[in-house]
Every structure is written in structure tokens, then in C-alpha cells.
């Protein structure tokens, strides 16, 4: 493990890892649509992160020198949950902004300036 990562807390690294995994999973679920719509992508991405976290911790039982840790899974869940909250807040603000500004912002600004 690189030295700068050895100084950081293991749980913090789990949190950051699953925070990023959530956004990659949302992007994947929004692009690949089988029986769901893209609107449900954040929910599926969060469930995916939870399942990957559980699978990783369970498989560590079989790896020599590793042991499963429930606290790691909690850190994984916190990272994915924080990403879901950030995604939802950002999406909510964006929808509210677009409803309050129905015309494209650039057209409105150009009309006000010129």
C-alpha cells in the first residue's frame, strides 16, 4: 500500500471508494435500460453498492490474511448513502431551477442585457 494511504483511516478510504462507485453505477444504470427507467438509476446504484459491499466483506473470509469487518460495510454504506444524498439534492435543485426558469438561461440573459 502506498505510504500516503497507510496514514489514512481504512474506513475513510472505504467511504471515498463507495462514494465514487455510486456515481459510476448511476451512470451505468442510466445508460443501460432493460426493464427500468433512467429515473430509478440512483436507487439501483445504491442497492448495487450495498450488494458489492456485502459480497466483498463475505469473500474476505476466504482470502488468506483478511477478515470480514462489519464496520467496513457500514463505511461502504455511508459512502454510497452520502453520494445518494448529494445526487438527490443536486438533482432536486436542478429540477427546481429549471421549473423556475423555463426558457434557457442564455436566452433570458441575452434579452436582459441587449
N, C-alpha and C. Protein backbone atom coordinates (compact mmCIF):
# COMPACT_ATOMS: atom_id res chain seq x y z
N UNK A 1 0.84 -1.17 0.00
CA UNK A 1 0.00 0.00 0.00
C UNK A 1 0.89 1.24 0.00
N UNK A 2 0.55 2.23 -0.82
CA UNK A 2 1.36 3.47 -0.82
C UNK A 2 1.36 4.13 0.57
N UNK A 3 2.44 4.84 0.85
CA UNK A 3 2.61 5.42 2.18
C UNK A 3 1.52 6.42 2.55
N UNK A 4 1.10 7.25 1.58
CA UNK A 4 0.09 8.26 1.92
C UNK A 4 -1.26 7.62 2.24
N UNK A 5 -1.52 6.43 1.69
CA UNK A 5 -2.76 5.73 2.03
C UNK A 5 -2.66 5.02 3.37
N UNK A 6 -1.46 4.62 3.75
CA UNK A 6 -1.28 3.93 5.02
C UNK A 6 -1.57 4.85 6.20
N UNK A 7 -1.39 6.14 6.00
CA UNK A 7 -1.62 7.09 7.09
C UNK A 7 -3.12 7.35 7.26
N UNK A 8 -3.89 7.20 6.19
CA UNK A 8 -5.32 7.48 6.25
C UNK A 8 -6.06 6.33 6.93
N UNK A 9 -7.19 6.65 7.47
CA UNK A 9 -8.02 5.65 8.12
C UNK A 9 -8.65 4.72 7.06
N UNK A 10 -8.68 3.46 7.34
CA UNK A 10 -9.24 2.46 6.43
C UNK A 10 -10.72 2.74 6.15
N UNK A 11 -11.45 3.15 7.14
CA UNK A 11 -12.89 3.40 6.96
C UNK A 11 -13.12 4.61 6.05
N UNK A 12 -12.25 5.61 6.15
CA UNK A 12 -12.36 6.78 5.28
C UNK A 12 -12.13 6.37 3.82
N UNK A 13 -11.18 5.48 3.59
CA UNK A 13 -10.93 5.01 2.23
C UNK A 13 -12.13 4.23 1.69
N UNK A 14 -12.76 3.42 2.55
CA UNK A 14 -13.97 2.71 2.13
C UNK A 14 -15.06 3.71 1.76
N UNK A 15 -15.23 4.75 2.56
CA UNK A 15 -16.25 5.76 2.31
C UNK A 15 -16.02 6.44 0.96
N UNK A 16 -14.80 6.85 0.70
CA UNK A 16 -14.48 7.52 -0.57
C UNK A 16 -14.67 6.57 -1.76
N UNK A 17 -14.26 5.33 -1.58
CA UNK A 17 -14.37 4.34 -2.66
C UNK A 17 -15.82 4.12 -3.06
N UNK A 18 -16.70 3.96 -2.10
CA UNK A 18 -18.10 3.69 -2.42
C UNK A 18 -18.85 4.96 -2.80
N UNK A 19 -18.37 6.11 -2.37
CA UNK A 19 -18.91 7.39 -2.84
C UNK A 19 -18.71 7.49 -4.34
N UNK A 20 -17.51 7.18 -4.81
CA UNK A 20 -17.21 7.23 -6.24
C UNK A 20 -17.90 6.10 -7.01
N UNK A 21 -17.95 4.91 -6.41
CA UNK A 21 -18.61 3.78 -7.06
C UNK A 21 -20.08 4.09 -7.33
N UNK A 22 -20.72 4.80 -6.42
CA UNK A 22 -22.13 5.15 -6.62
C UNK A 22 -22.30 5.96 -7.91
N UNK A 23 -21.45 6.96 -8.13
CA UNK A 23 -21.61 7.79 -9.32
C UNK A 23 -21.31 7.01 -10.60
N UNK A 24 -20.34 6.10 -10.55
CA UNK A 24 -20.10 5.25 -11.71
C UNK A 24 -21.30 4.34 -11.98
N UNK A 25 -21.88 3.80 -10.92
CA UNK A 25 -23.02 2.91 -11.07
C UNK A 25 -24.25 3.66 -11.58
N UNK A 26 -24.48 4.88 -11.10
CA UNK A 26 -25.61 5.68 -11.60
C UNK A 26 -25.45 5.92 -13.09
N UNK A 27 -24.25 6.26 -13.50
CA UNK A 27 -24.01 6.49 -14.92
C UNK A 27 -24.28 5.22 -15.73
N UNK A 28 -23.85 4.09 -15.21
CA UNK A 28 -24.07 2.83 -15.93
C UNK A 28 -25.56 2.48 -15.98
N UNK A 29 -26.26 2.63 -14.87
CA UNK A 29 -27.69 2.28 -14.86
C UNK A 29 -28.52 3.26 -15.67
N UNK A 30 -28.09 4.49 -15.81
CA UNK A 30 -28.84 5.45 -16.64
C UNK A 30 -28.68 5.13 -18.12
N UNK A 31 -27.56 4.56 -18.51
CA UNK A 31 -27.30 4.28 -19.92
C UNK A 31 -27.86 2.94 -20.37
N UNK A 32 -27.92 1.97 -19.47
CA UNK A 32 -28.39 0.64 -19.83
C UNK A 32 -29.78 0.46 -19.25
N UNK A 33 -30.78 0.45 -20.12
CA UNK A 33 -32.17 0.35 -19.67
C UNK A 33 -32.78 -0.94 -20.20
N UNK A 34 -33.13 -1.81 -19.27
CA UNK A 34 -33.81 -3.03 -19.67
C UNK A 34 -35.28 -2.93 -19.29
N UNK A 35 -35.60 -3.06 -18.02
CA UNK A 35 -36.98 -3.02 -17.59
C UNK A 35 -37.24 -1.86 -16.62
N UNK A 36 -36.28 -0.97 -16.47
CA UNK A 36 -36.47 0.19 -15.59
C UNK A 36 -36.21 1.46 -16.38
N UNK A 37 -36.64 2.54 -15.82
CA UNK A 37 -36.36 3.81 -16.47
C UNK A 37 -35.12 4.43 -15.84
N UNK A 38 -34.56 5.40 -16.51
CA UNK A 38 -33.37 6.06 -16.01
C UNK A 38 -33.61 6.81 -14.71
N UNK A 39 -34.87 7.10 -14.40
CA UNK A 39 -35.19 7.83 -13.17
C UNK A 39 -34.90 7.00 -11.93
N UNK A 40 -34.92 5.69 -12.06
CA UNK A 40 -34.67 4.81 -10.91
C UNK A 40 -33.20 4.45 -10.76
N UNK A 41 -32.35 5.00 -11.59
CA UNK A 41 -30.93 4.66 -11.57
C UNK A 41 -30.27 4.91 -10.22
N UNK A 42 -30.56 6.00 -9.50
CA UNK A 42 -29.91 6.20 -8.20
C UNK A 42 -30.28 5.11 -7.18
N UNK A 43 -31.50 4.65 -7.21
CA UNK A 43 -31.92 3.60 -6.28
C UNK A 43 -31.21 2.29 -6.59
N UNK A 44 -31.15 1.95 -7.87
CA UNK A 44 -30.45 0.74 -8.27
C UNK A 44 -28.95 0.83 -8.00
N UNK A 45 -28.38 2.01 -8.19
CA UNK A 45 -26.95 2.20 -7.92
C UNK A 45 -26.66 2.04 -6.43
N UNK A 46 -27.54 2.57 -5.59
CA UNK A 46 -27.35 2.43 -4.14
C UNK A 46 -27.45 0.96 -3.74
N UNK A 47 -28.44 0.25 -4.27
CA UNK A 47 -28.59 -1.18 -3.96
C UNK A 47 -27.38 -1.96 -4.46
N UNK A 48 -26.88 -1.60 -5.62
CA UNK A 48 -25.69 -2.25 -6.17
C UNK A 48 -24.49 -2.05 -5.24
N UNK A 49 -24.31 -0.82 -4.76
CA UNK A 49 -23.20 -0.54 -3.84
C UNK A 49 -23.32 -1.35 -2.56
N UNK A 50 -24.54 -1.48 -2.04
CA UNK A 50 -24.74 -2.27 -0.83
C UNK A 50 -24.40 -3.74 -1.08
N UNK A 51 -24.84 -4.26 -2.21
CA UNK A 51 -24.57 -5.67 -2.51
C UNK A 51 -23.08 -5.93 -2.76
N UNK A 52 -22.42 -5.01 -3.44
CA UNK A 52 -20.98 -5.16 -3.66
C UNK A 52 -20.24 -5.11 -2.34
N UNK A 53 -20.67 -4.23 -1.45
CA UNK A 53 -20.04 -4.14 -0.13
C UNK A 53 -20.20 -5.42 0.67
N UNK A 54 -21.41 -5.99 0.66
CA UNK A 54 -21.65 -7.25 1.37
C UNK A 54 -20.83 -8.38 0.75
N UNK A 55 -20.83 -8.45 -0.57
CA UNK A 55 -20.08 -9.51 -1.25
C UNK A 55 -18.58 -9.41 -0.96
N UNK A 56 -18.07 -8.20 -0.97
CA UNK A 56 -16.65 -8.01 -0.70
C UNK A 56 -16.29 -8.46 0.71
N UNK A 57 -17.11 -8.07 1.66
CA UNK A 57 -16.82 -8.45 3.05
C UNK A 57 -16.98 -9.96 3.25
N UNK A 58 -17.95 -10.57 2.61
CA UNK A 58 -18.13 -12.02 2.75
C UNK A 58 -16.98 -12.79 2.09
N UNK A 59 -16.52 -12.32 0.94
CA UNK A 59 -15.43 -13.01 0.25
C UNK A 59 -14.09 -12.85 0.96
N UNK A 60 -13.96 -11.83 1.79
CA UNK A 60 -12.72 -11.66 2.54
C UNK A 60 -12.50 -12.78 3.55
N UNK A 61 -13.55 -13.48 3.90
CA UNK A 61 -13.42 -14.61 4.82
C UNK A 61 -12.52 -15.69 4.21
N UNK A 62 -12.59 -15.84 2.90
CA UNK A 62 -11.84 -16.89 2.22
C UNK A 62 -10.44 -16.46 1.77
N UNK A 63 -10.13 -15.18 1.88
CA UNK A 63 -8.81 -14.68 1.47
C UNK A 63 -7.83 -14.81 2.64
N UNK A 64 -6.66 -15.41 2.40
CA UNK A 64 -5.70 -15.55 3.50
C UNK A 64 -5.21 -14.19 3.99
N UNK A 65 -5.18 -14.03 5.29
CA UNK A 65 -4.71 -12.79 5.89
C UNK A 65 -5.75 -11.69 5.95
N UNK A 66 -6.95 -11.97 5.52
CA UNK A 66 -8.02 -10.96 5.54
C UNK A 66 -9.15 -11.47 6.42
N UNK A 67 -9.93 -10.55 6.92
CA UNK A 67 -11.10 -10.94 7.71
C UNK A 67 -12.23 -9.97 7.41
N UNK A 68 -13.46 -10.45 7.37
CA UNK A 68 -14.59 -9.55 7.12
C UNK A 68 -14.80 -8.64 8.33
N UNK A 69 -15.21 -7.43 8.06
CA UNK A 69 -15.42 -6.46 9.12
C UNK A 69 -16.73 -5.74 8.86
N UNK A 70 -17.65 -5.82 9.81
CA UNK A 70 -18.95 -5.18 9.67
C UNK A 70 -18.79 -3.66 9.58
N UNK A 71 -17.81 -3.11 10.27
CA UNK A 71 -17.58 -1.66 10.23
C UNK A 71 -17.17 -1.20 8.83
N UNK A 72 -16.47 -2.05 8.09
CA UNK A 72 -16.14 -1.70 6.70
C UNK A 72 -17.41 -1.59 5.86
N UNK A 73 -18.34 -2.51 6.07
CA UNK A 73 -19.59 -2.45 5.31
C UNK A 73 -20.40 -1.21 5.70
N UNK A 74 -20.36 -0.83 6.96
CA UNK A 74 -21.04 0.40 7.38
C UNK A 74 -20.40 1.61 6.69
N UNK A 75 -19.08 1.63 6.60
CA UNK A 75 -18.40 2.72 5.90
C UNK A 75 -18.76 2.72 4.41
N UNK A 76 -18.87 1.54 3.81
CA UNK A 76 -19.29 1.44 2.41
C UNK A 76 -20.69 2.02 2.23
N UNK A 77 -21.59 1.64 3.13
CA UNK A 77 -22.97 2.12 3.07
C UNK A 77 -23.03 3.63 3.28
N UNK A 78 -22.22 4.14 4.19
CA UNK A 78 -22.20 5.59 4.43
C UNK A 78 -21.70 6.34 3.20
N UNK A 79 -20.70 5.81 2.53
CA UNK A 79 -20.20 6.45 1.31
C UNK A 79 -21.25 6.47 0.22
N UNK A 80 -21.91 5.34 0.00
CA UNK A 80 -22.96 5.27 -1.03
C UNK A 80 -24.15 6.13 -0.63
N UNK A 81 -24.49 6.13 0.65
CA UNK A 81 -25.62 6.94 1.12
C UNK A 81 -25.34 8.43 1.00
N UNK A 82 -24.12 8.84 1.31
CA UNK A 82 -23.75 10.24 1.14
C UNK A 82 -23.79 10.66 -0.31
N UNK A 83 -23.35 9.78 -1.18
CA UNK A 83 -23.40 10.08 -2.62
C UNK A 83 -24.85 10.16 -3.10
N UNK A 84 -25.71 9.26 -2.60
CA UNK A 84 -27.12 9.30 -2.97
C UNK A 84 -27.76 10.60 -2.49
N UNK A 85 -27.43 11.03 -1.28
CA UNK A 85 -27.97 12.29 -0.76
C UNK A 85 -27.50 13.47 -1.61
N UNK A 86 -26.21 13.50 -1.93
CA UNK A 86 -25.68 14.59 -2.75
C UNK A 86 -26.32 14.59 -4.13
N UNK A 87 -26.46 13.41 -4.72
CA UNK A 87 -27.07 13.29 -6.04
C UNK A 87 -28.53 13.77 -6.00
N UNK A 88 -29.27 13.35 -4.98
CA UNK A 88 -30.68 13.74 -4.87
C UNK A 88 -30.84 15.23 -4.66
N UNK A 89 -30.01 15.81 -3.78
CA UNK A 89 -30.09 17.26 -3.55
C UNK A 89 -29.74 18.04 -4.81
N UNK A 90 -28.69 17.63 -5.49
CA UNK A 90 -28.28 18.31 -6.70
C UNK A 90 -29.36 18.20 -7.77
N UNK A 91 -29.92 17.01 -7.93
CA UNK A 91 -30.98 16.81 -8.92
C UNK A 91 -32.21 17.61 -8.54
N UNK A 92 -32.55 17.65 -7.26
CA UNK A 92 -33.71 18.42 -6.81
C UNK A 92 -33.55 19.91 -7.06
N UNK A 93 -32.36 20.44 -6.77
CA UNK A 93 -32.11 21.85 -7.03
C UNK A 93 -32.15 22.14 -8.53
N UNK A 94 -31.63 21.23 -9.33
CA UNK A 94 -31.62 21.43 -10.77
C UNK A 94 -33.04 21.43 -11.32
N UNK A 95 -33.89 20.52 -10.86
CA UNK A 95 -35.27 20.48 -11.33
C UNK A 95 -36.01 21.75 -10.91
N UNK A 96 -35.82 22.19 -9.67
CA UNK A 96 -36.46 23.42 -9.21
C UNK A 96 -35.98 24.62 -10.01
N UNK A 97 -34.70 24.66 -10.33
CA UNK A 97 -34.16 25.76 -11.12
C UNK A 97 -34.77 25.77 -12.52
N UNK A 98 -34.85 24.61 -13.13
CA UNK A 98 -35.39 24.54 -14.48
C UNK A 98 -36.88 24.90 -14.51
N UNK A 99 -37.62 24.56 -13.45
CA UNK A 99 -39.04 24.92 -13.41
C UNK A 99 -39.22 26.42 -13.23
N UNK A 100 -38.34 27.04 -12.47
CA UNK A 100 -38.47 28.48 -12.25
C UNK A 100 -37.91 29.29 -13.43
N UNK A 101 -37.10 28.68 -14.26
CA UNK A 101 -36.54 29.33 -15.44
C UNK A 101 -36.85 28.46 -16.66
N UNK A 102 -38.09 28.55 -17.17
CA UNK A 102 -38.47 27.64 -18.26
C UNK A 102 -37.70 27.85 -19.54
N UNK A 103 -37.32 29.10 -19.84
CA UNK A 103 -36.53 29.32 -21.04
C UNK A 103 -35.06 29.11 -20.73
N UNK A 104 -34.28 28.77 -21.73
CA UNK A 104 -32.85 28.63 -21.47
C UNK A 104 -32.26 29.90 -20.87
N UNK A 105 -31.39 29.74 -19.93
CA UNK A 105 -30.82 30.86 -19.20
C UNK A 105 -30.09 31.82 -20.14
N UNK A 106 -29.41 31.30 -21.14
CA UNK A 106 -28.64 32.16 -22.03
C UNK A 106 -29.57 33.10 -22.81
N UNK A 107 -30.72 32.62 -23.24
CA UNK A 107 -31.66 33.48 -23.95
C UNK A 107 -32.19 34.58 -23.04
N UNK A 108 -32.50 34.25 -21.81
CA UNK A 108 -33.01 35.23 -20.86
C UNK A 108 -31.96 36.29 -20.56
N UNK A 109 -30.73 35.86 -20.37
CA UNK A 109 -29.65 36.81 -20.08
C UNK A 109 -29.41 37.72 -21.27
N UNK A 110 -29.41 37.18 -22.47
CA UNK A 110 -29.20 37.99 -23.66
C UNK A 110 -30.32 39.02 -23.81
N UNK A 111 -31.56 38.62 -23.53
CA UNK A 111 -32.69 39.53 -23.65
C UNK A 111 -32.57 40.66 -22.63
N UNK A 112 -32.11 40.35 -21.40
CA UNK A 112 -31.98 41.37 -20.38
C UNK A 112 -30.82 42.31 -20.66
N UNK A 113 -29.75 41.80 -21.23
CA UNK A 113 -28.56 42.61 -21.46
C UNK A 113 -28.68 43.48 -22.70
N UNK A 114 -29.33 42.99 -23.76
CA UNK A 114 -29.31 43.71 -25.04
C UNK A 114 -30.66 44.23 -25.37
